Amino acid sequence: KVFGHGFLTREGQKMGKSLGNVLDPELLL
């Protein structure tokens, strides 16, 4: 089986360095 999951956005926006809205998993933890 191959299971393809979706993507995560943040507050309705795609996350990216240029937008400055990347969620850091280390900070989250």
Full PDB file with SEQRES, HELIX, SHEET, SSBOND, CRYST1, ORIGX, SCALE, CONECT and MASTER records, all heavy atoms in Angstrom:
SEQRES   1 A   29  LYS VAL PHE GLY HIS GLY PHE LEU THR ARG GLU GLY GLN          
SEQRES   2 A   29  LYS MET GLY LYS SER LEU GLY ASN VAL LEU ASP PRO GLU          
SEQRES   3 A   29  LEU LEU LEU                                                  
HELIX    1 AA1 PRO A   25  LEU A   28  1                                   4    
SHEET    1 AA1 2 THR A   9  ARG A  10  0                                        
SHEET    2 AA1 2 GLN A  13  LYS A  14 -1                                        
CRYST1    1.000    1.000    1.000  90.00  90.00  90.00 P 1           1          
ORIGX1      1.000000  0.000000  0.000000        0.00000                         
ORIGX2      0.000000  1.000000  0.000000        0.00000                         
ORIGX3      0.000000  0.000000  1.000000        0.00000                         
SCALE1      1.000000  0.000000  0.000000        0.00000                         
SCALE2      0.000000  1.000000  0.000000        0.00000                         
SCALE3      0.000000  0.000000  1.000000        0.00000                         
ATOM      1  N   LYS A   1       0.843  -1.195   0.000  1.00  0.00           N  
ATOM      2  CA  LYS A   1       0.000   0.000   0.000  1.00  0.00           C  
ATOM      3  C   LYS A   1       0.874   1.239   0.000  1.00  0.00           C  
ATOM      4  O   LYS A   1       1.959   1.252   0.585  1.00  0.00           O  
ATOM      5  CB  LYS A   1      -0.924   0.024   1.224  1.00  0.00           C  
ATOM      6  CG  LYS A   1      -1.812   1.259   1.322  1.00  0.00           C  
ATOM      7  CD  LYS A   1      -2.742   1.203   2.529  1.00  0.00           C  
ATOM      8  CE  LYS A   1      -3.863   0.226   2.316  1.00  0.00           C  
ATOM      9  NZ  LYS A   1      -4.895   0.296   3.388  1.00  0.00           N  
ATOM     10  N   VAL A   2       0.370   2.282  -0.669  1.00  0.00           N  
ATOM     11  CA  VAL A   2       1.001   3.602  -0.639  1.00  0.00           C  
ATOM     12  C   VAL A   2      -0.052   4.594  -0.158  1.00  0.00           C  
ATOM     13  O   VAL A   2      -1.140   4.680  -0.744  1.00  0.00           O  
ATOM     14  CB  VAL A   2       1.517   4.015  -2.034  1.00  0.00           C  
ATOM     15  CG1 VAL A   2       2.097   5.421  -1.983  1.00  0.00           C  
ATOM     16  CG2 VAL A   2       2.551   3.020  -2.543  1.00  0.00           C  
ATOM     17  N   PHE A   3       0.270   5.305   0.917  1.00  0.00           N  
ATOM     18  CA  PHE A   3      -0.681   6.276   1.485  1.00  0.00           C  
ATOM     19  C   PHE A   3      -0.106   7.675   1.313  1.00  0.00           C  
ATOM     20  O   PHE A   3       0.943   8.004   1.853  1.00  0.00           O  
ATOM     21  CB  PHE A   3      -0.917   5.992   2.971  1.00  0.00           C  
ATOM     22  CG  PHE A   3      -2.070   6.756   3.559  1.00  0.00           C  
ATOM     23  CD1 PHE A   3      -3.275   6.125   3.822  1.00  0.00           C  
ATOM     24  CD2 PHE A   3      -1.964   8.121   3.843  1.00  0.00           C  
ATOM     25  CE1 PHE A   3      -4.349   6.826   4.354  1.00  0.00           C  
ATOM     26  CE2 PHE A   3      -3.030   8.832   4.375  1.00  0.00           C  
ATOM     27  CZ  PHE A   3      -4.222   8.181   4.630  1.00  0.00           C  
ATOM     28  N   GLY A   4      -0.808   8.510   0.526  1.00  0.00           N  
ATOM     29  CA  GLY A   4      -0.349   9.878   0.274  1.00  0.00           C  
ATOM     30  C   GLY A   4      -1.146  10.875   1.090  1.00  0.00           C  
ATOM     31  O   GLY A   4      -2.337  11.077   0.854  1.00  0.00           O  
ATOM     32  N   HIS A   5      -0.494  11.493   2.055  1.00  0.00           N  
ATOM     33  CA  HIS A   5      -1.218  12.454   2.904  1.00  0.00           C  
ATOM     34  C   HIS A   5      -1.093  13.874   2.362  1.00  0.00           C  
ATOM     35  O   HIS A   5      -0.308  14.155   1.448  1.00  0.00           O  
ATOM     36  CB  HIS A   5      -0.716  12.392   4.350  1.00  0.00           C  
ATOM     37  CG  HIS A   5       0.694  12.882   4.538  1.00  0.00           C  
ATOM     38  ND1 HIS A   5       1.038  14.213   4.528  1.00  0.00           N  
ATOM     39  CD2 HIS A   5       1.848  12.206   4.748  1.00  0.00           C  
ATOM     40  CE1 HIS A   5       2.336  14.337   4.719  1.00  0.00           C  
ATOM     41  NE2 HIS A   5       2.856  13.136   4.844  1.00  0.00           N  
ATOM     42  N   GLY A   6      -1.875  14.781   2.924  1.00  0.00           N  
ATOM     43  CA  GLY A   6      -1.911  16.161   2.450  1.00  0.00           C  
ATOM     44  C   GLY A   6      -0.831  17.035   3.062  1.00  0.00           C  
ATOM     45  O   GLY A   6       0.039  16.582   3.806  1.00  0.00           O  
ATOM     46  N   PHE A   7      -0.915  18.317   2.728  1.00  0.00           N  
ATOM     47  CA  PHE A   7       0.060  19.305   3.198  1.00  0.00           C  
ATOM     48  C   PHE A   7      -0.520  20.119   4.350  1.00  0.00           C  
ATOM     49  O   PHE A   7      -1.735  20.225   4.515  1.00  0.00           O  
ATOM     50  CB  PHE A   7       0.439  20.259   2.065  1.00  0.00           C  
ATOM     51  CG  PHE A   7       1.229  19.614   0.963  1.00  0.00           C  
ATOM     52  CD1 PHE A   7       1.245  20.172  -0.312  1.00  0.00           C  
ATOM     53  CD2 PHE A   7       1.964  18.461   1.179  1.00  0.00           C  
ATOM     54  CE1 PHE A   7       1.977  19.593  -1.335  1.00  0.00           C  
ATOM     55  CE2 PHE A   7       2.700  17.872   0.159  1.00  0.00           C  
ATOM     56  CZ  PHE A   7       2.705  18.447  -1.097  1.00  0.00           C  
ATOM     57  N   LEU A   8       0.372  20.715   5.120  1.00  0.00           N  
ATOM     58  CA  LEU A   8      -0.023  21.615   6.199  1.00  0.00           C  
ATOM     59  C   LEU A   8       0.194  23.064   5.780  1.00  0.00           C  
ATOM     60  O   LEU A   8       1.235  23.403   5.216  1.00  0.00           O  
ATOM     61  CB  LEU A   8       0.801  21.344   7.467  1.00  0.00           C  
ATOM     62  CG  LEU A   8       0.592  20.010   8.183  1.00  0.00           C  
ATOM     63  CD1 LEU A   8       1.553  19.913   9.362  1.00  0.00           C  
ATOM     64  CD2 LEU A   8      -0.847  19.861   8.651  1.00  0.00           C  
ATOM     65  N   THR A   9      -0.798  23.887   6.052  1.00  0.00           N  
ATOM     66  CA  THR A   9      -0.647  25.329   5.913  1.00  0.00           C  
ATOM     67  C   THR A   9      -0.725  25.938   7.310  1.00  0.00           C  
ATOM     68  O   THR A   9      -0.988  25.239   8.299  1.00  0.00           O  
ATOM     69  CB  THR A   9      -1.748  25.917   5.020  1.00  0.00           C  
ATOM     70  OG1 THR A   9      -3.035  25.517   5.536  1.00  0.00           O  
ATOM     71  CG2 THR A   9      -1.616  25.420   3.587  1.00  0.00           C  
ATOM     72  N   ARG A  10      -0.498  27.241   7.387  1.00  0.00           N  
ATOM     73  CA  ARG A  10      -0.563  27.916   8.684  1.00  0.00           C  
ATOM     74  C   ARG A  10      -1.472  29.133   8.569  1.00  0.00           C  
ATOM     75  O   ARG A  10      -1.197  30.032   7.769  1.00  0.00           O  
ATOM     76  CB  ARG A  10       0.827  28.347   9.148  1.00  0.00           C  
ATOM     77  CG  ARG A  10       0.809  29.046  10.504  1.00  0.00           C  
ATOM     78  CD  ARG A  10       2.203  29.387  10.982  1.00  0.00           C  
ATOM     79  NE  ARG A  10       2.167  29.935  12.322  1.00  0.00           N  
ATOM     80  CZ  ARG A  10       3.241  30.348  12.992  1.00  0.00           C  
ATOM     81  NH1 ARG A  10       4.436  30.255  12.430  1.00  0.00           N  
ATOM     82  NH2 ARG A  10       3.125  30.845  14.207  1.00  0.00           N  
ATOM     83  N   GLU A  11      -2.531  29.122   9.341  1.00  0.00           N  
ATOM     84  CA  GLU A  11      -3.506  30.214   9.321  1.00  0.00           C  
ATOM     85  C   GLU A  11      -3.942  30.515   7.887  1.00  0.00           C  
ATOM     86  O   GLU A  11      -4.109  31.659   7.483  1.00  0.00           O  
ATOM     87  CB  GLU A  11      -2.936  31.481   9.974  1.00  0.00           C  
ATOM     88  CG  GLU A  11      -2.317  31.284  11.342  1.00  0.00           C  
ATOM     89  CD  GLU A  11      -3.317  30.900  12.443  1.00  0.00           C  
ATOM     90  OE1 GLU A  11      -4.541  31.009  12.204  1.00  0.00           O  
ATOM     91  OE2 GLU A  11      -2.866  30.474  13.533  1.00  0.00           O  
ATOM     92  N   GLY A  12      -4.127  29.430   7.096  1.00  0.00           N  
ATOM     93  CA  GLY A  12      -4.623  29.574   5.734  1.00  0.00           C  
ATOM     94  C   GLY A  12      -3.573  29.903   4.694  1.00  0.00           C  
ATOM     95  O   GLY A  12      -3.891  30.024   3.510  1.00  0.00           O  
ATOM     96  N   GLN A  13      -2.307  30.040   5.100  1.00  0.00           N  
ATOM     97  CA  GLN A  13      -1.243  30.377   4.165  1.00  0.00           C  
ATOM     98  C   GLN A  13      -0.228  29.255   4.070  1.00  0.00           C  
ATOM     99  O   GLN A  13       0.065  28.593   5.064  1.00  0.00           O  
ATOM    100  CB  GLN A  13      -0.502  31.643   4.615  1.00  0.00           C  
ATOM    101  CG  GLN A  13      -1.219  32.942   4.338  1.00  0.00           C  
ATOM    102  CD  GLN A  13      -0.312  34.133   4.605  1.00  0.00           C  
ATOM    103  OE1 GLN A  13       0.303  34.233   5.651  1.00  0.00           O  
ATOM    104  NE2 GLN A  13      -0.211  35.038   3.637  1.00  0.00           N  
ATOM    105  N   LYS A  14       0.326  29.081   2.866  1.00  0.00           N  
ATOM    106  CA  LYS A  14       1.420  28.134   2.710  1.00  0.00           C  
ATOM    107  C   LYS A  14       2.605  28.607   3.543  1.00  0.00           C  
ATOM    108  O   LYS A  14       2.919  29.785   3.604  1.00  0.00           O  
ATOM    109  CB  LYS A  14       1.825  28.036   1.234  1.00  0.00           C  
ATOM    110  CG  LYS A  14       2.941  27.045   0.971  1.00  0.00           C  
ATOM    111  CD  LYS A  14       3.284  26.976  -0.512  1.00  0.00           C  
ATOM    112  CE  LYS A  14       4.431  26.010  -0.769  1.00  0.00           C  
ATOM    113  NZ  LYS A  14       4.791  25.932  -2.205  1.00  0.00           N  
ATOM    114  N   MET A  15       3.263  27.670   4.233  1.00  0.00           N  
ATOM    115  CA  MET A  15       4.417  28.038   5.044  1.00  0.00           C  
ATOM    116  C   MET A  15       5.656  28.178   4.171  1.00  0.00           C  
ATOM    117  O   MET A  15       5.880  27.371   3.269  1.00  0.00           O  
ATOM    118  CB  MET A  15       4.661  26.988   6.143  1.00  0.00           C  
ATOM    119  CG  MET A  15       3.691  27.073   7.291  1.00  0.00           C  
ATOM    120  SD  MET A  15       4.078  25.924   8.644  1.00  0.00           S  
ATOM    121  CE  MET A  15       3.082  24.512   8.169  1.00  0.00           C  
ATOM    122  N   GLY A  16       6.455  29.202   4.445  1.00  0.00           N  
ATOM    123  CA  GLY A  16       7.677  29.407   3.695  1.00  0.00           C  
ATOM    124  C   GLY A  16       8.581  30.404   4.379  1.00  0.00           C  
ATOM    125  O   GLY A  16       8.123  31.280   5.112  1.00  0.00           O  
ATOM    126  N   LYS A  17       9.872  30.268   4.120  1.00  0.00           N  
ATOM    127  CA  LYS A  17      10.842  31.179   4.731  1.00  0.00           C  
ATOM    128  C   LYS A  17      10.588  32.619   4.322  1.00  0.00           C  
ATOM    129  O   LYS A  17      10.733  33.551   5.117  1.00  0.00           O  
ATOM    130  CB  LYS A  17      12.263  30.773   4.336  1.00  0.00           C  
ATOM    131  CG  LYS A  17      12.744  29.482   4.973  1.00  0.00           C  
ATOM    132  CD  LYS A  17      14.175  29.184   4.550  1.00  0.00           C  
ATOM    133  CE  LYS A  17      14.694  27.904   5.171  1.00  0.00           C  
ATOM    134  NZ  LYS A  17      16.074  27.595   4.730  1.00  0.00           N  
ATOM    135  N   SER A  18      10.211  32.817   3.047  1.00  0.00           N  
ATOM    136  CA  SER A  18      10.013  34.180   2.570  1.00  0.00           C  
ATOM    137  C   SER A  18       8.849  34.861   3.274  1.00  0.00           C  
ATOM    138  O   SER A  18       8.844  36.082   3.449  1.00  0.00           O  
ATOM    139  CB  SER A  18       9.774  34.164   1.056  1.00  0.00           C  
ATOM    140  OG  SER A  18       8.638  33.384   0.737  1.00  0.00           O  
ATOM    141  N   LEU A  19       7.858  34.064   3.707  1.00  0.00           N  
ATOM    142  CA  LEU A  19       6.714  34.621   4.430  1.00  0.00           C  
ATOM    143  C   LEU A  19       6.989  34.740   5.924  1.00  0.00           C  
ATOM    144  O   LEU A  19       6.235  35.393   6.652  1.00  0.00           O  
ATOM    145  CB  LEU A  19       5.468  33.752   4.209  1.00  0.00           C  
ATOM    146  CG  LEU A  19       4.920  33.694   2.784  1.00  0.00           C  
ATOM    147  CD1 LEU A  19       3.796  32.669   2.690  1.00  0.00           C  
ATOM    148  CD2 LEU A  19       4.421  35.061   2.342  1.00  0.00           C  
ATOM    149  N   GLY A  20       8.051  34.086   6.380  1.00  0.00           N  
ATOM    150  CA  GLY A  20       8.393  34.150   7.801  1.00  0.00           C  
ATOM    151  C   GLY A  20       7.391  33.448   8.691  1.00  0.00           C  
ATOM    152  O   GLY A  20       7.251  33.794   9.874  1.00  0.00           O  
ATOM    153  N   ASN A  21       6.674  32.451   8.148  1.00  0.00           N  
ATOM    154  CA  ASN A  21       5.625  31.792   8.942  1.00  0.00           C  
ATOM    155  C   ASN A  21       5.876  30.296   9.127  1.00  0.00           C  
ATOM    156  O   ASN A  21       4.941  29.524   9.366  1.00  0.00           O  
ATOM    157  CB  ASN A  21       4.254  32.007   8.299  1.00  0.00           C  
ATOM    158  CG  ASN A  21       4.128  31.314   6.941  1.00  0.00           C  
ATOM    159  OD1 ASN A  21       5.114  30.907   6.339  1.00  0.00           O  
ATOM    160  ND2 ASN A  21       2.898  31.189   6.460  1.00  0.00           N  
ATOM    161  N   VAL A  22       7.129  29.868   8.987  1.00  0.00           N  
ATOM    162  CA  VAL A  22       7.464  28.453   9.157  1.00  0.00           C  
ATOM    163  C   VAL A  22       7.351  28.082  10.630  1.00  0.00           C  
ATOM    164  O   VAL A  22       7.825  28.811  11.504  1.00  0.00           O  
ATOM    165  CB  VAL A  22       8.891  28.160   8.643  1.00  0.00           C  
ATOM    166  CG1 VAL A  22       9.288  26.730   8.963  1.00  0.00           C  
ATOM    167  CG2 VAL A  22       8.974  28.417   7.149  1.00  0.00           C  
ATOM    168  N   LEU A  23       6.712  26.956  10.906  1.00  0.00           N  
ATOM    169  CA  LEU A  23       6.615  26.439  12.277  1.00  0.00           C  
ATOM    170  C   LEU A  23       7.789  25.512  12.541  1.00  0.00           C  
ATOM    171  O   LEU A  23       7.942  24.500  11.869  1.00  0.00           O  
ATOM    172  CB  LEU A  23       5.293  25.693  12.480  1.00  0.00           C  
ATOM    173  CG  LEU A  23       4.065  26.562  12.769  1.00  0.00           C  
ATOM    174  CD1 LEU A  23       2.785  25.750  12.592  1.00  0.00           C  
ATOM    175  CD2 LEU A  23       4.125  27.149  14.162  1.00  0.00           C  
ATOM    176  N   ASP A  24       8.606  25.872  13.486  1.00  0.00           N  
ATOM    177  CA  ASP A  24       9.784  25.098  13.828  1.00  0.00           C  
ATOM    178  C   ASP A  24       9.392  23.962  14.766  1.00  0.00           C  
ATOM    179  O   ASP A  24       8.898  24.208  15.867  1.00  0.00           O  
ATOM    180  CB  ASP A  24      10.799  26.012  14.516  1.00  0.00           C  
ATOM    181  CG  ASP A  24      12.112  25.304  14.836  1.00  0.00           C  
ATOM    182  OD1 ASP A  24      12.148  24.066  14.816  1.00  0.00           O  
ATOM    183  OD2 ASP A  24      13.101  26.006  15.120  1.00  0.00           O  
ATOM    184  N   PRO A  25       9.577  22.695  14.353  1.00  0.00           N  
ATOM    185  CA  PRO A  25       9.162  21.585  15.229  1.00  0.00           C  
ATOM    186  C   PRO A  25       9.902  21.556  16.557  1.00  0.00           C  
ATOM    187  O   PRO A  25       9.347  21.120  17.566  1.00  0.00           O  
ATOM    188  CB  PRO A  25       9.471  20.338  14.390  1.00  0.00           C  
ATOM    189  CG  PRO A  25      10.415  20.777  13.325  1.00  0.00           C  
ATOM    190  CD  PRO A  25      10.111  22.218  13.068  1.00  0.00           C  
ATOM    191  N   GLU A  26      11.141  22.031  16.586  1.00  0.00           N  
ATOM    192  CA  GLU A  26      11.877  22.075  17.856  1.00  0.00           C  
ATOM    193  C   GLU A  26      11.262  23.099  18.804  1.00  0.00           C  
ATOM    194  O   GLU A  26      11.134  22.851  20.004  1.00  0.00           O  
ATOM    195  CB  GLU A  26      13.348  22.388  17.593  1.00  0.00           C  
ATOM    196  CG  GLU A  26      14.079  21.287  16.837  1.00  0.00           C  
ATOM    197  CD  GLU A  26      15.551  21.600  16.646  1.00  0.00           C  
ATOM    198  OE1 GLU A  26      16.272  21.661  17.660  1.00  0.00           O  
ATOM    199  OE2 GLU A  26      15.980  21.768  15.494  1.00  0.00           O  
ATOM    200  N   LEU A  27      10.876  24.255  18.277  1.00  0.00           N  
ATOM    201  CA  LEU A  27      10.230  25.285  19.092  1.00  0.00           C  
ATOM    202  C   LEU A  27       8.859  24.804  19.572  1.00  0.00           C  
ATOM    203  O   LEU A  27       8.477  25.025  20.729  1.00  0.00           O  
ATOM    204  CB  LEU A  27      10.092  26.576  18.285  1.00  0.00           C  
ATOM    205  CG  LEU A  27       9.407  27.753  19.004  1.00  0.00           C  
ATOM    206  CD1 LEU A  27      10.258  28.217  20.176  1.00  0.00           C  
ATOM    207  CD2 LEU A  27       9.178  28.916  18.027  1.00  0.00           C  
ATOM    208  N   LEU A  28       8.116  24.150  18.682  1.00  0.00           N  
ATOM    209  CA  LEU A  28       6.805  23.604  19.061  1.00  0.00           C  
ATOM    210  C   LEU A  28       6.931  22.637  20.223  1.00  0.00           C  
ATOM    211  O   LEU A  28       6.155  22.673  21.181  1.00  0.00           O  
ATOM    212  CB  LEU A  28       6.184  22.875  17.867  1.00  0.00           C  
ATOM    213  CG  LEU A  28       5.195  23.627  16.978  1.00  0.00           C  
ATOM    214  CD1 LEU A  28       4.728  22.706  15.867  1.00  0.00           C  
ATOM    215  CD2 LEU A  28       4.012  24.147  17.761  1.00  0.00           C  
ATOM    216  N   LEU A  29       7.907  21.769  20.134  1.00  0.00           N  
ATOM    217  CA  LEU A  29       8.116  20.776  21.181  1.00  0.00           C  
ATOM    218  C   LEU A  29       8.491  21.447  22.495  1.00  0.00           C  
ATOM    219  O   LEU A  29       7.961  21.112  23.559  1.00  0.00           O  
ATOM    220  CB  LEU A  29       9.214  19.798  20.754  1.00  0.00           C  
ATOM    221  CG  LEU A  29       9.538  18.670  21.726  1.00  0.00           C  
ATOM    222  CD1 LEU A  29       8.329  17.782  21.956  1.00  0.00           C  
ATOM    223  CD2 LEU A  29      10.704  17.842  21.188  1.00  0.00           C  
TER     224      LEU A  29                                                      
MASTER        0    0    0    1    2    0    0    6  223    1    0    3          
END                                                                             
